[in-house]
C-alpha atoms as a PDB file:
ATOM      1  CA  MET A   1       0.000   0.000   0.000  1.00  0.00           C
ATOM      2  CA  ASN A   2       1.018   3.583  -0.461  1.00  0.00           C
ATOM      3  CA  ASP A   3       2.008   5.762   2.434  1.00  0.00           C
ATOM      4  CA  ILE A   4      -0.886   8.194   1.879  1.00  0.00           C
ATOM      5  CA  PRO A   5      -4.239   6.650   0.912  1.00  0.00           C
ATOM      6  CA  TRP A   6      -5.811   8.184  -2.181  1.00  0.00           C
ATOM      7  CA  ILE A   7      -9.089   8.850  -0.407  1.00  0.00           C
ATOM      8  CA  LEU A   8      -7.368  11.281   1.963  1.00  0.00           C
ATOM      9  CA  ILE A   9      -5.852  13.130  -0.975  1.00  0.00           C
ATOM     10  CA  ALA A  10      -9.255  13.311  -2.676  1.00  0.00           C
ATOM     11  CA  ILE A  11     -10.872  14.666   0.508  1.00  0.00           C
ATOM     12  CA  PHE A  12      -8.112  17.262   0.870  1.00  0.00           C
ATOM     13  CA  VAL A  13      -8.467  18.384  -2.763  1.00  0.00           C
ATOM     14  CA  ALA A  14     -12.270  18.619  -2.410  1.00  0.00           C
ATOM     15  CA  LEU A  15     -11.943  20.717   0.744  1.00  0.00           C
ATOM     16  CA  LEU A  16      -9.372  22.953  -0.933  1.00  0.00           C
ATOM     17  CA  LEU A  17     -11.612  23.479  -3.973  1.00  0.00           C
ATOM     18  CA  GLY A  18     -14.555  24.215  -1.688  1.00  0.00           C
ATOM     19  CA  LEU A  19     -12.489  26.822   0.137  1.00  0.00           C
ATOM     20  CA  VAL A  20     -11.449  28.477  -3.144  1.00  0.00           C
ATOM     21  CA  VAL A  21     -15.082  28.654  -4.313  1.00  0.00           C
ATOM     22  CA  PHE A  22     -16.177  30.025  -0.926  1.00  0.00           C
ATOM     23  CA  VAL A  23     -13.543  32.789  -1.014  1.00  0.00           C
ATOM     24  CA  ALA A  24     -14.394  33.680  -4.624  1.00  0.00           C
ATOM     25  CA  VAL A  25     -18.097  33.982  -3.806  1.00  0.00           C
ATOM     26  CA  ARG A  26     -17.441  36.068  -0.680  1.00  0.00           C
ATOM     27  CA  ARG A  27     -15.347  38.595  -2.651  1.00  0.00           C
ATOM     28  CA  ARG A  28     -18.233  39.447  -4.946  1.00  0.00           C
ATOM     29  CA  LYS A  29     -19.254  43.056  -4.387  1.00  0.00           C
ATOM     30  CA  GLN A  30     -22.925  42.926  -5.362  1.00  0.00           C
ATOM     31  CA  PRO A  31     -25.295  40.308  -4.019  1.00  0.00           C
ATOM     32  CA  ARG A  32     -26.795  38.209  -6.802  1.00  0.00           C
ATOM     33  CA  ARG A  33     -30.495  38.292  -7.494  1.00  0.00           C
ATOM     34  CA  VAL A  34     -32.402  35.095  -6.861  1.00  0.00           C
ATOM     35  CA  ASP A  35     -33.865  33.706 -10.073  1.00  0.00           C
ATOM     36  CA  TYR A  36     -37.101  32.049  -9.042  1.00  0.00           C
ATOM     37  CA  ARG A  37     -37.714  30.781 -12.579  1.00  0.00           C
ATOM     38  CA  ASN A  38     -34.767  28.413 -12.116  1.00  0.00           C
ATOM     39  CA  TYR A  39     -36.165  27.351  -8.733  1.00  0.00           C
ATOM     40  CA  PHE A  40     -39.380  26.381 -10.496  1.00  0.00           C
ATOM     41  CA  ALA A  41     -37.540  24.491 -13.265  1.00  0.00           C
ATOM     42  CA  MET A  42     -35.344  22.609 -10.771  1.00  0.00           C
ATOM     43  CA  GLY A  43     -38.407  21.766  -8.724  1.00  0.00           C
ATOM     44  CA  VAL A  44     -40.230  20.256 -11.681  1.00  0.00           C
ATOM     45  CA  VAL A  45     -37.197  18.132 -12.587  1.00  0.00           C
ATOM     46  CA  TRP A  46     -36.763  16.961  -8.977  1.00  0.00           C
ATOM     47  CA  LEU A  47     -40.490  16.158  -8.712  1.00  0.00           C
ATOM     48  CA  ALA A  48     -40.268  13.888 -11.740  1.00  0.00           C
ATOM     49  CA  THR A  49     -37.050  12.298 -10.454  1.00  0.00           C
ATOM     50  CA  GLY A  50     -38.651  11.698  -7.076  1.00  0.00           C
ATOM     51  CA  VAL A  51     -41.673   9.997  -8.596  1.00  0.00           C
ATOM     52  CA  VAL A  52     -39.494   7.732 -10.752  1.00  0.00           C
ATOM     53  CA  LEU A  53     -37.149   6.816  -7.896  1.00  0.00           C
ATOM     54  CA  SER A  54     -40.090   6.167  -5.562  1.00  0.00           C
ATOM     55  CA  LEU A  55     -41.857   3.872  -8.010  1.00  0.00           C
ATOM     56  CA  LEU A  56     -38.729   2.042  -9.177  1.00  0.00           C
ATOM     57  CA  PRO A  57     -38.550  -0.463  -6.253  1.00  0.00           C
ATOM     58  CA  TRP A  58     -42.233  -1.235  -6.727  1.00  0.00           C
ATOM     59  CA  PHE A  59     -41.759  -1.950 -10.441  1.00  0.00           C
ATOM     60  CA  LEU A  60     -38.573  -3.980  -9.972  1.00  0.00           C
ATOM     61  CA  HIS A  61     -39.307  -5.922  -6.782  1.00  0.00           C
ATOM     62  CA  GLY A  62     -43.006  -5.488  -6.101  1.00  0.00           C
ATOM     63  CA  GLU A  63     -42.391  -3.798  -2.765  1.00  0.00           C
ATOM     64  CA  VAL A  64     -43.046  -0.313  -1.499  1.00  0.00           C
ATOM     65  CA  SER A  65     -40.188   1.291   0.381  1.00  0.00           C
ATOM     66  CA  LEU A  66     -39.186   4.740   1.523  1.00  0.00           C
ATOM     67  CA  SER A  67     -36.377   5.371  -0.869  1.00  0.00           C
ATOM     68  CA  ILE A  68     -34.333   8.373  -1.855  1.00  0.00           C
ATOM     69  CA  GLY A  69     -37.192   9.223  -4.211  1.00  0.00           C
ATOM     70  CA  SER A  70     -39.197  10.615  -1.309  1.00  0.00           C
ATOM     71  CA  PHE A  71     -36.398  13.082  -0.591  1.00  0.00           C
ATOM     72  CA  PHE A  72     -36.274  14.231  -4.207  1.00  0.00           C
ATOM     73  CA  PHE A  73     -40.060  14.526  -4.319  1.00  0.00           C
ATOM     74  CA  VAL A  74     -40.223  16.719  -1.200  1.00  0.00           C
ATOM     75  CA  MET A  75     -37.320  18.892  -2.382  1.00  0.00           C
ATOM     76  CA  GLY A  76     -38.925  19.238  -5.804  1.00  0.00           C
ATOM     77  CA  LEU A  77     -42.209  20.211  -4.220  1.00  0.00           C
ATOM     78  CA  ALA A  78     -40.487  22.850  -2.077  1.00  0.00           C
ATOM     79  CA  TYR A  79     -38.573  24.337  -5.015  1.00  0.00           C
ATOM     80  CA  THR A  80     -41.630  24.317  -7.282  1.00  0.00           C
ATOM     81  CA  LEU A  81     -43.821  26.019  -4.702  1.00  0.00           C
ATOM     82  CA  THR A  82     -41.106  28.592  -3.931  1.00  0.00           C
ATOM     83  CA  GLY A  83     -40.785  29.384  -7.634  1.00  0.00           C
ATOM     84  CA  LEU A  84     -44.537  29.677  -8.093  1.00  0.00           C
ATOM     85  CA  ALA A  85     -45.007  31.805  -4.965  1.00  0.00           C
ATOM     86  CA  ASN A  86     -42.475  34.310  -6.335  1.00  0.00           C
ATOM     87  CA  ARG A  87     -43.642  34.227  -9.937  1.00  0.00           C
ATOM     88  CA  ASP A  88     -43.801  38.028 -10.036  1.00  0.00           C
ATOM     89  CA  LYS A  89     -40.032  38.144  -9.354  1.00  0.00           C
ATOM     90  CA  TRP A  90     -39.050  35.919 -12.276  1.00  0.00           C
ATOM     91  CA  GLY A  91     -36.324  37.453 -14.413  1.00  0.00           C
ATOM     92  CA  LYS A  92     -36.967  38.164 -18.061  1.00  0.00           C
ATOM     93  CA  GLN A  93     -36.060  35.351 -20.384  1.00  0.00           C
ATOM     94  CA  THR A  94     -33.165  35.964 -22.748  1.00  0.00           C
ATOM     95  CA  GLU A  95     -32.925  34.452 -26.198  1.00  0.00           C
ATOM     96  CA  LEU A  96     -29.823  32.521 -27.200  1.00  0.00           C
ATOM     97  CA  PRO A  97     -28.236  33.182 -30.575  1.00  0.00           C
ATOM     98  CA  PRO A  98     -28.951  30.474 -33.182  1.00  0.00           C
ATOM     99  CA  ALA A  99     -25.290  29.374 -33.272  1.00  0.00           C
ATOM    100  CA  THR A 100     -25.280  28.737 -29.517  1.00  0.00           C
ATOM    101  CA  THR A 101     -28.602  26.911 -29.708  1.00  0.00           C
ATOM    102  CA  ARG A 102     -27.238  24.695 -32.494  1.00  0.00           C
ATOM    103  CA  LYS A 103     -24.118  23.867 -30.453  1.00  0.00           C
ATOM    104  CA  LEU A 104     -26.244  22.977 -27.422  1.00  0.00           C
ATOM    105  CA  ILE A 105     -28.395  20.661 -29.528  1.00  0.00           C
ATOM    106  CA  ILE A 106     -25.303  18.942 -30.954  1.00  0.00           C
ATOM    107  CA  VAL A 107     -23.848  18.452 -27.463  1.00  0.00           C
ATOM    108  CA  ALA A 108     -27.165  17.094 -26.146  1.00  0.00           C
ATOM    109  CA  VAL A 109     -27.443  14.601 -29.026  1.00  0.00           C
ATOM    110  CA  LEU A 110     -23.839  13.440 -28.525  1.00  0.00           C
ATOM    111  CA  VAL A 111     -24.317  12.994 -24.773  1.00  0.00           C
ATOM    112  CA  GLY A 112     -27.544  11.079 -25.384  1.00  0.00           C
ATOM    113  CA  ALA A 113     -25.844   8.834 -27.949  1.00  0.00           C
ATOM    114  CA  LEU A 114     -22.957   8.137 -25.567  1.00  0.00           C
ATOM    115  CA  LEU A 115     -25.456   7.298 -22.829  1.00  0.00           C
ATOM    116  CA  VAL A 116     -27.287   4.838 -25.079  1.00  0.00           C
ATOM    117  CA  VAL A 117     -24.005   3.217 -26.178  1.00  0.00           C
ATOM    118  CA  GLY A 118     -22.873   2.969 -22.557  1.00  0.00           C
ATOM    119  CA  LEU A 119     -26.156   1.340 -21.510  1.00  0.00           C
ATOM    120  CA  GLU A 120     -25.951  -1.113 -24.397  1.00  0.00           C
ATOM    121  CA  LEU A 121     -22.367  -2.070 -23.493  1.00  0.00           C
ATOM    122  CA  PHE A 122     -23.399  -2.482 -19.867  1.00  0.00           C
ATOM    123  CA  ALA A 123     -26.307  -4.710 -20.905  1.00  0.00           C
ATOM    124  CA  LEU A 124     -24.070  -6.814 -23.157  1.00  0.00           C
ATOM    125  CA  TYR A 125     -21.039  -7.217 -20.896  1.00  0.00           C
ATOM    126  CA  GLY A 126     -22.396  -6.359 -17.423  1.00  0.00           C
END
């Protein structure tokens, strides 16, 4: 074995990065505005994730259990309700240039294709 376990190095690096981010955020002069539209969007995504993760044990094993899905569902509900309660404070939506939109679509398709290939390889060799 090595003298210094890798997990300790990883924990140290994570703490160091967290400290750098904390200092960078604290140096900011103006406080950032809260974008409640993003709260709403995150809440909707977490609601759907919570439902899927809650129903997954039932579909796979026929049993109902309190899984991590309940946590995601409650967090999604909280974020969605916070976003809806502050709907009047939503920032105005900005349009992306067509070139940026095209690049985002290409990246999304490539990531999706890699995910499908990875799942297929896992199914074949896993």
